[in-house]
Amino acid sequence: MISLEGPELIDTSIIPTCVHNDPVPPTPSLGARSSSFRGSSRLATPSMSLVAPGLYIGDEAAAASALRLRLQGVTHVLNCTNKPNPIFEVPGGSSSDGESGLTLGYLRLNLLDSTSDLPRMQSVLRQGVDFIRSALQSGGIVLVHCHRGISRSCTLVMAHMIEADQRSAESVFEIIRAKRRICDPNLGYWCAIQEWEKLVLPPRLPRQRSASRLSPHPLAPRPLSRAG
């Protein structure tokens, strides 16, 4: 297995060919305090960020405390990693914590943020998007998390918003990046998102040009990946 998040060299021959040379949109300042939970995260980034109504992106610390989730009103947790939640995960797809009285809808996707995810990526996107949609339609509040809330969780939320809002990946990425500045799906996931676009957007929908393309001083291309 070759990781897309570590410092080692990447064998690009096993990554699907895709074209995504757009520069990274300018990094905005952190959003208002009311739109994010300010836990102890690296890079002064909140542990949980509200990126759309009823939808949070967060790191593993955000899902580690039932009380914290209860305070944020979270009713469903989508765990994008392969690590079981030691507090909430139980057989049957739901969990509860007796101390806080919190009951959660729960799903774990077992993504590794590596090239080994790519063969099953479309089915994982569908599974995760269906979970998010069902939770929101029932009036729930969803936390989508991975290790640091950078790559895996952002990719799943992008997939949901692309389908639900019928917007391009570039447009959705900029919306999420404005709310969580470290959002940065790895290169393989970007390829998967481009394939997802073709499946869920009508062919006639024009691709929205990234605002960053219009900048007279484009930034450096998006890195291959970061741990997340």
C-alpha atoms as a PDB file:
ATOM      1  CA  MET A   1       0.000   0.000   0.000  1.00  0.00           C
ATOM      2  CA  ILE A   2       1.347   3.401  -0.909  1.00  0.00           C
ATOM      3  CA  SER A   3       0.244   6.314   1.226  1.00  0.00           C
ATOM      4  CA  LEU A   4      -0.723   9.621  -0.295  1.00  0.00           C
ATOM      5  CA  GLU A   5      -0.213  11.453   2.940  1.00  0.00           C
ATOM      6  CA  GLY A   6       3.334  10.698   4.060  1.00  0.00           C
ATOM      7  CA  PRO A   7       6.711  12.021   2.984  1.00  0.00           C
ATOM      8  CA  GLU A   8       7.631   8.968   0.918  1.00  0.00           C
ATOM      9  CA  LEU A   9       7.723   9.122  -2.855  1.00  0.00           C
ATOM     10  CA  ILE A  10       4.512   8.265  -4.691  1.00  0.00           C
ATOM     11  CA  ASP A  11       4.240   5.769  -7.524  1.00  0.00           C
ATOM     12  CA  THR A  12       1.932   7.831  -9.716  1.00  0.00           C
ATOM     13  CA  SER A  13       1.443   4.974 -12.172  1.00  0.00           C
ATOM     14  CA  ILE A  14      -1.257   3.503  -9.939  1.00  0.00           C
ATOM     15  CA  ILE A  15      -3.166   6.763  -9.506  1.00  0.00           C
ATOM     16  CA  PRO A  16      -6.017   7.296 -12.005  1.00  0.00           C
ATOM     17  CA  THR A  17      -5.234   9.888 -14.618  1.00  0.00           C
ATOM     18  CA  CYS A  18      -7.065  13.126 -14.060  1.00  0.00           C
ATOM     19  CA  VAL A  19      -6.427  16.749 -14.783  1.00  0.00           C
ATOM     20  CA  HIS A  20      -6.706  19.131 -11.885  1.00  0.00           C
ATOM     21  CA  ASN A  21      -4.165  21.894 -12.098  1.00  0.00           C
ATOM     22  CA  ASP A  22      -6.273  24.610 -10.515  1.00  0.00           C
ATOM     23  CA  PRO A  23      -4.408  26.742  -7.992  1.00  0.00           C
ATOM     24  CA  VAL A  24      -5.480  26.599  -4.379  1.00  0.00           C
ATOM     25  CA  PRO A  25      -8.046  29.300  -3.580  1.00  0.00           C
ATOM     26  CA  PRO A  26      -6.735  31.963  -1.216  1.00  0.00           C
ATOM     27  CA  THR A  27      -6.852  30.783   2.375  1.00  0.00           C
ATOM     28  CA  PRO A  28      -9.509  32.803   4.193  1.00  0.00           C
ATOM     29  CA  SER A  29      -9.437  33.763   7.832  1.00  0.00           C
ATOM     30  CA  LEU A  30     -11.217  31.490  10.266  1.00  0.00           C
ATOM     31  CA  GLY A  31     -14.985  31.838  10.324  1.00  0.00           C
ATOM     32  CA  ALA A  32     -17.079  33.319  13.067  1.00  0.00           C
ATOM     33  CA  ARG A  33     -16.962  31.614  16.439  1.00  0.00           C
ATOM     34  CA  SER A  34     -20.618  30.660  16.105  1.00  0.00           C
ATOM     35  CA  SER A  35     -19.935  28.529  13.032  1.00  0.00           C
ATOM     36  CA  SER A  36     -17.256  26.266  14.504  1.00  0.00           C
ATOM     37  CA  PHE A  37     -16.253  24.418  17.634  1.00  0.00           C
ATOM     38  CA  ARG A  38     -12.888  25.611  18.831  1.00  0.00           C
ATOM     39  CA  GLY A  39     -11.244  22.530  20.259  1.00  0.00           C
ATOM     40  CA  SER A  40      -7.546  21.848  20.480  1.00  0.00           C
ATOM     41  CA  SER A  41      -6.509  21.328  16.841  1.00  0.00           C
ATOM     42  CA  ARG A  42      -3.306  21.866  14.958  1.00  0.00           C
ATOM     43  CA  LEU A  43      -2.709  24.966  12.853  1.00  0.00           C
ATOM     44  CA  ALA A  44      -5.208  26.925  15.007  1.00  0.00           C
ATOM     45  CA  THR A  45      -8.023  25.181  13.160  1.00  0.00           C
ATOM     46  CA  PRO A  46     -11.214  24.321  15.052  1.00  0.00           C
ATOM     47  CA  SER A  47     -11.854  20.703  15.874  1.00  0.00           C
ATOM     48  CA  MET A  48     -15.297  21.036  14.250  1.00  0.00           C
ATOM     49  CA  SER A  49     -16.307  23.463  11.488  1.00  0.00           C
ATOM     50  CA  LEU A  50     -19.889  24.086  10.398  1.00  0.00           C
ATOM     51  CA  VAL A  51     -19.633  24.086   6.592  1.00  0.00           C
ATOM     52  CA  ALA A  52     -23.340  23.861   5.680  1.00  0.00           C
ATOM     53  CA  PRO A  53     -26.629  23.861   7.603  1.00  0.00           C
ATOM     54  CA  GLY A  54     -26.583  20.863   9.929  1.00  0.00           C
ATOM     55  CA  LEU A  55     -23.246  19.620   8.582  1.00  0.00           C
ATOM     56  CA  TYR A  56     -19.894  19.701  10.358  1.00  0.00           C
ATOM     57  CA  ILE A  57     -16.424  18.611   9.261  1.00  0.00           C
ATOM     58  CA  GLY A  58     -14.083  17.668  12.064  1.00  0.00           C
ATOM     59  CA  ASP A  59     -11.110  15.702  13.303  1.00  0.00           C
ATOM     60  CA  GLU A  60     -10.980  12.574  15.443  1.00  0.00           C
ATOM     61  CA  ALA A  61     -10.926  14.615  18.647  1.00  0.00           C
ATOM     62  CA  ALA A  62     -14.316  16.046  17.712  1.00  0.00           C
ATOM     63  CA  ALA A  63     -15.842  12.559  17.799  1.00  0.00           C
ATOM     64  CA  ALA A  64     -14.059  11.446  20.975  1.00  0.00           C
ATOM     65  CA  SER A  65     -16.446  13.006  23.501  1.00  0.00           C
ATOM     66  CA  ALA A  66     -20.161  12.323  23.659  1.00  0.00           C
ATOM     67  CA  LEU A  67     -20.626  15.424  25.785  1.00  0.00           C
ATOM     68  CA  ARG A  68     -18.906  17.606  23.201  1.00  0.00           C
ATOM     69  CA  LEU A  69     -21.129  16.245  20.437  1.00  0.00           C
ATOM     70  CA  ARG A  70     -24.188  16.737  22.590  1.00  0.00           C
ATOM     71  CA  LEU A  71     -23.291  20.391  23.153  1.00  0.00           C
ATOM     72  CA  GLN A  72     -23.092  20.884  19.392  1.00  0.00           C
ATOM     73  CA  GLY A  73     -26.379  19.061  18.839  1.00  0.00           C
ATOM     74  CA  VAL A  74     -24.779  16.320  16.730  1.00  0.00           C
ATOM     75  CA  THR A  75     -27.099  13.362  16.106  1.00  0.00           C
ATOM     76  CA  HIS A  76     -25.118  11.440  13.449  1.00  0.00           C
ATOM     77  CA  VAL A  77     -21.412  10.722  13.033  1.00  0.00           C
ATOM     78  CA  LEU A  78     -19.776   9.616   9.774  1.00  0.00           C
ATOM     79  CA  ASN A  79     -16.335   8.211  10.579  1.00  0.00           C
ATOM     80  CA  CYS A  80     -14.254   8.247   7.395  1.00  0.00           C
ATOM     81  CA  THR A  81     -11.274   6.451   8.940  1.00  0.00           C
ATOM     82  CA  ASN A  82     -10.614   2.761   9.579  1.00  0.00           C
ATOM     83  CA  LYS A  83     -10.374   3.286  13.344  1.00  0.00           C
ATOM     84  CA  PRO A  84     -13.369   2.289  15.489  1.00  0.00           C
ATOM     85  CA  ASN A  85     -14.741   4.973  17.757  1.00  0.00           C
ATOM     86  CA  PRO A  86     -13.798   3.672  21.217  1.00  0.00           C
ATOM     87  CA  ILE A  87     -16.661   5.470  22.957  1.00  0.00           C
ATOM     88  CA  PHE A  88     -19.625   5.137  20.625  1.00  0.00           C
ATOM     89  CA  GLU A  89     -19.114   2.318  18.157  1.00  0.00           C
ATOM     90  CA  VAL A  90     -21.242  -0.752  18.755  1.00  0.00           C
ATOM     91  CA  PRO A  91     -22.707  -3.385  16.397  1.00  0.00           C
ATOM     92  CA  GLY A  92     -25.849  -2.307  14.629  1.00  0.00           C
ATOM     93  CA  GLY A  93     -24.832   1.088  13.291  1.00  0.00           C
ATOM     94  CA  SER A  94     -25.923   3.211  16.257  1.00  0.00           C
ATOM     95  CA  SER A  95     -24.302   4.114  19.531  1.00  0.00           C
ATOM     96  CA  SER A  96     -25.058   5.605  22.881  1.00  0.00           C
ATOM     97  CA  ASP A  97     -23.246   6.890  25.910  1.00  0.00           C
ATOM     98  CA  GLY A  98     -24.971   6.364  29.219  1.00  0.00           C
ATOM     99  CA  GLU A  99     -23.249   9.247  30.990  1.00  0.00           C
ATOM    100  CA  SER A 100     -24.439  11.917  28.562  1.00  0.00           C
ATOM    101  CA  GLY A 101     -27.596  10.249  27.300  1.00  0.00           C
ATOM    102  CA  LEU A 102     -26.468  10.867  23.713  1.00  0.00           C
ATOM    103  CA  THR A 103     -27.626   8.518  20.977  1.00  0.00           C
ATOM    104  CA  LEU A 104     -25.971   8.706  17.591  1.00  0.00           C
ATOM    105  CA  GLY A 105     -26.525   7.376  14.132  1.00  0.00           C
ATOM    106  CA  TYR A 106     -23.096   6.076  13.182  1.00  0.00           C
ATOM    107  CA  LEU A 107     -21.251   4.780  10.123  1.00  0.00           C
ATOM    108  CA  ARG A 108     -17.575   3.961   9.577  1.00  0.00           C
ATOM    109  CA  LEU A 109     -16.213   3.994   6.001  1.00  0.00           C
ATOM    110  CA  ASN A 110     -12.735   2.481   6.590  1.00  0.00           C
ATOM    111  CA  LEU A 111     -10.857   4.851   4.284  1.00  0.00           C
ATOM    112  CA  LEU A 112      -7.057   4.984   4.595  1.00  0.00           C
ATOM    113  CA  ASP A 113      -6.306   8.200   2.673  1.00  0.00           C
ATOM    114  CA  SER A 114      -4.185   6.106   0.310  1.00  0.00           C
ATOM    115  CA  THR A 115      -4.249   4.683  -3.203  1.00  0.00           C
ATOM    116  CA  SER A 116      -5.775   1.468  -1.846  1.00  0.00           C
ATOM    117  CA  ASP A 117      -9.063   3.366  -1.398  1.00  0.00           C
ATOM    118  CA  LEU A 118      -9.452   4.266  -5.061  1.00  0.00           C
ATOM    119  CA  PRO A 119     -10.941   1.044  -6.520  1.00  0.00           C
ATOM    120  CA  ARG A 120     -13.932   1.277  -4.168  1.00  0.00           C
ATOM    121  CA  MET A 121     -14.126   5.049  -3.901  1.00  0.00           C
ATOM    122  CA  GLN A 122     -17.352   5.554  -5.857  1.00  0.00           C
ATOM    123  CA  SER A 123     -19.255   3.017  -3.762  1.00  0.00           C
ATOM    124  CA  VAL A 124     -17.892   4.589  -0.570  1.00  0.00           C
ATOM    125  CA  LEU A 125     -18.950   8.046  -1.744  1.00  0.00           C
ATOM    126  CA  ARG A 126     -22.449   6.744  -2.432  1.00  0.00           C
ATOM    127  CA  GLN A 127     -22.660   5.059   0.967  1.00  0.00           C
ATOM    128  CA  GLY A 128     -21.450   8.146   2.801  1.00  0.00           C
ATOM    129  CA  VAL A 129     -23.583  10.595   0.836  1.00  0.00           C
ATOM    130  CA  ASP A 130     -26.707   8.489   1.439  1.00  0.00           C
ATOM    131  CA  PHE A 131     -25.945   8.475   5.170  1.00  0.00           C
ATOM    132  CA  ILE A 132     -25.533  12.265   5.268  1.00  0.00           C
ATOM    133  CA  ARG A 133     -28.661  12.886   3.189  1.00  0.00           C
ATOM    134  CA  SER A 134     -30.817  10.579   5.301  1.00  0.00           C
ATOM    135  CA  ALA A 135     -29.596  12.184   8.526  1.00  0.00           C
ATOM    136  CA  LEU A 136     -30.230  15.738   7.314  1.00  0.00           C
ATOM    137  CA  GLN A 137     -33.649  14.856   5.903  1.00  0.00           C
ATOM    138  CA  SER A 138     -34.639  13.494   9.317  1.00  0.00           C
ATOM    139  CA  GLY A 139     -33.703  16.811  10.917  1.00  0.00           C
ATOM    140  CA  GLY A 140     -30.390  15.576  12.267  1.00  0.00           C
ATOM    141  CA  ILE A 141     -27.033  17.295  12.615  1.00  0.00           C
ATOM    142  CA  VAL A 142     -24.069  15.439  11.129  1.00  0.00           C
ATOM    143  CA  LEU A 143     -20.379  15.361  11.973  1.00  0.00           C
ATOM    144  CA  VAL A 144     -18.186  13.955   9.193  1.00  0.00           C
ATOM    145  CA  HIS A 145     -14.723  13.327  10.559  1.00  0.00           C
ATOM    146  CA  CYS A 146     -11.369  11.762   9.759  1.00  0.00           C
ATOM    147  CA  HIS A 147      -7.967  12.043  11.446  1.00  0.00           C
ATOM    148  CA  ARG A 148      -7.479  15.796  11.082  1.00  0.00           C
ATOM    149  CA  GLY A 149     -10.494  16.901   9.052  1.00  0.00           C
ATOM    150  CA  ILE A 150      -8.431  17.622   5.947  1.00  0.00           C
ATOM    151  CA  SER A 151      -8.805  15.028   3.202  1.00  0.00           C
ATOM    152  CA  ARG A 152     -11.203  12.121   3.770  1.00  0.00           C
ATOM    153  CA  SER A 153     -13.961  13.997   5.583  1.00  0.00           C
ATOM    154  CA  CYS A 154     -13.767  16.960   3.215  1.00  0.00           C
ATOM    155  CA  THR A 155     -14.058  14.630   0.231  1.00  0.00           C
ATOM    156  CA  LEU A 156     -17.238  13.028   1.592  1.00  0.00           C
ATOM    157  CA  VAL A 157     -18.819  16.393   2.349  1.00  0.00           C
ATOM    158  CA  MET A 158     -17.872  17.648  -1.112  1.00  0.00           C
ATOM    159  CA  ALA A 159     -19.554  14.623  -2.678  1.00  0.00           C
ATOM    160  CA  HIS A 160     -22.728  15.296  -0.691  1.00  0.00           C
ATOM    161  CA  MET A 161     -22.845  18.981  -1.595  1.00  0.00           C
ATOM    162  CA  ILE A 162     -22.114  18.341  -5.272  1.00  0.00           C
ATOM    163  CA  GLU A 163     -25.144  16.067  -5.491  1.00  0.00           C
ATOM    164  CA  ALA A 164     -27.470  17.902  -3.099  1.00  0.00           C
ATOM    165  CA  ASP A 165     -26.764  21.411  -4.397  1.00  0.00           C
ATOM    166  CA  GLN A 166     -25.998  20.436  -8.010  1.00  0.00           C
ATOM    167  CA  ARG A 167     -22.801  22.456  -7.965  1.00  0.00           C
ATOM    168  CA  SER A 168     -19.400  21.738  -9.443  1.00  0.00           C
ATOM    169  CA  ALA A 169     -16.550  20.337  -7.367  1.00  0.00           C
ATOM    170  CA  GLU A 170     -14.597  23.576  -7.719  1.00  0.00           C
ATOM    171  CA  SER A 171     -17.510  25.639  -6.437  1.00  0.00           C
ATOM    172  CA  VAL A 172     -18.169  23.301  -3.522  1.00  0.00           C
ATOM    173  CA  PHE A 173     -14.481  23.158  -2.622  1.00  0.00           C
ATOM    174  CA  GLU A 174     -14.331  26.943  -2.336  1.00  0.00           C
ATOM    175  CA  ILE A 175     -17.461  27.016  -0.159  1.00  0.00           C
ATOM    176  CA  ILE A 176     -16.008  24.435   2.224  1.00  0.00           C
ATOM    177  CA  ARG A 177     -12.528  25.961   2.174  1.00  0.00           C
ATOM    178  CA  ALA A 178     -14.023  29.291   3.259  1.00  0.00           C
ATOM    179  CA  LYS A 179     -15.430  27.561   6.350  1.00  0.00           C
ATOM    180  CA  ARG A 180     -12.542  25.155   7.017  1.00  0.00           C
ATOM    181  CA  ARG A 181      -9.325  26.484   5.602  1.00  0.00           C
ATOM    182  CA  ILE A 182      -7.343  23.235   5.852  1.00  0.00           C
ATOM    183  CA  CYS A 183      -9.753  21.347   3.574  1.00  0.00           C
ATOM    184  CA  ASP A 184      -7.494  19.621   1.027  1.00  0.00           C
ATOM    185  CA  PRO A 185      -8.506  16.276  -0.552  1.00  0.00           C
ATOM    186  CA  ASN A 186      -5.554  14.272  -1.803  1.00  0.00           C
ATOM    187  CA  LEU A 187      -4.896  13.930  -5.527  1.00  0.00           C
ATOM    188  CA  GLY A 188      -6.470  10.490  -5.844  1.00  0.00           C
ATOM    189  CA  TYR A 189      -9.605  11.716  -4.095  1.00  0.00           C
ATOM    190  CA  TRP A 190      -9.780  14.689  -6.473  1.00  0.00           C
ATOM    191  CA  CYS A 191      -9.821  12.218  -9.363  1.00  0.00           C
ATOM    192  CA  ALA A 192     -12.612  10.313  -7.633  1.00  0.00           C
ATOM    193  CA  ILE A 193     -14.591  13.522  -7.102  1.00  0.00           C
ATOM    194  CA  GLN A 194     -14.282  14.366 -10.796  1.00  0.00           C
ATOM    195  CA  GLU A 195     -15.735  10.955 -11.620  1.00  0.00           C
ATOM    196  CA  TRP A 196     -18.480  11.552  -9.051  1.00  0.00           C
ATOM    197  CA  GLU A 197     -19.361  14.837 -10.796  1.00  0.00           C
ATOM    198  CA  LYS A 198     -19.968  12.949 -14.032  1.00  0.00           C
ATOM    199  CA  LEU A 199     -22.333  10.568 -12.246  1.00  0.00           C
ATOM    200  CA  VAL A 200     -24.461  13.052 -10.318  1.00  0.00           C
ATOM    201  CA  LEU A 201     -24.410  16.277 -12.354  1.00  0.00           C
ATOM    202  CA  PRO A 202     -26.317  16.619 -15.622  1.00  0.00           C
ATOM    203  CA  PRO A 203     -24.026  16.931 -18.669  1.00  0.00           C
ATOM    204  CA  ARG A 204     -25.441  20.345 -19.529  1.00  0.00           C
ATOM    205  CA  LEU A 205     -24.435  21.838 -16.190  1.00  0.00           C
ATOM    206  CA  PRO A 206     -21.562  24.228 -16.954  1.00  0.00           C
ATOM    207  CA  ARG A 207     -18.441  23.937 -14.878  1.00  0.00           C
ATOM    208  CA  GLN A 208     -18.078  27.031 -12.755  1.00  0.00           C
ATOM    209  CA  ARG A 209     -14.748  28.692 -13.130  1.00  0.00           C
ATOM    210  CA  SER A 210     -12.782  28.892  -9.933  1.00  0.00           C
ATOM    211  CA  ALA A 211     -12.397  32.414  -8.627  1.00  0.00           C
ATOM    212  CA  SER A 212      -8.724  31.657  -8.165  1.00  0.00           C
ATOM    213  CA  ARG A 213      -8.338  31.125 -11.916  1.00  0.00           C
ATOM    214  CA  LEU A 214      -9.306  34.713 -12.420  1.00  0.00           C
ATOM    215  CA  SER A 215      -6.622  35.927 -10.067  1.00  0.00           C
ATOM    216  CA  PRO A 216      -3.707  37.731 -11.763  1.00  0.00           C
ATOM    217  CA  HIS A 217      -1.391  36.080  -9.230  1.00  0.00           C
ATOM    218  CA  PRO A 218      -2.340  32.377  -9.011  1.00  0.00           C
ATOM    219  CA  LEU A 219      -1.024  30.388  -6.091  1.00  0.00           C
ATOM    220  CA  ALA A 220       0.994  27.183  -6.255  1.00  0.00           C
ATOM    221  CA  PRO A 221      -0.797  24.003  -7.392  1.00  0.00           C
ATOM    222  CA  ARG A 222      -2.517  21.964  -4.710  1.00  0.00           C
ATOM    223  CA  PRO A 223      -0.117  19.517  -3.029  1.00  0.00           C
ATOM    224  CA  LEU A 224      -0.475  15.794  -3.692  1.00  0.00           C
ATOM    225  CA  SER A 225      -1.976  15.276  -0.261  1.00  0.00           C
ATOM    226  CA  ARG A 226      -1.757  16.008   3.411  1.00  0.00           C
ATOM    227  CA  ALA A 227      -2.477  13.705   6.304  1.00  0.00           C
ATOM    228  CA  GLY A 228      -6.157  13.895   7.015  1.00  0.00           C
END
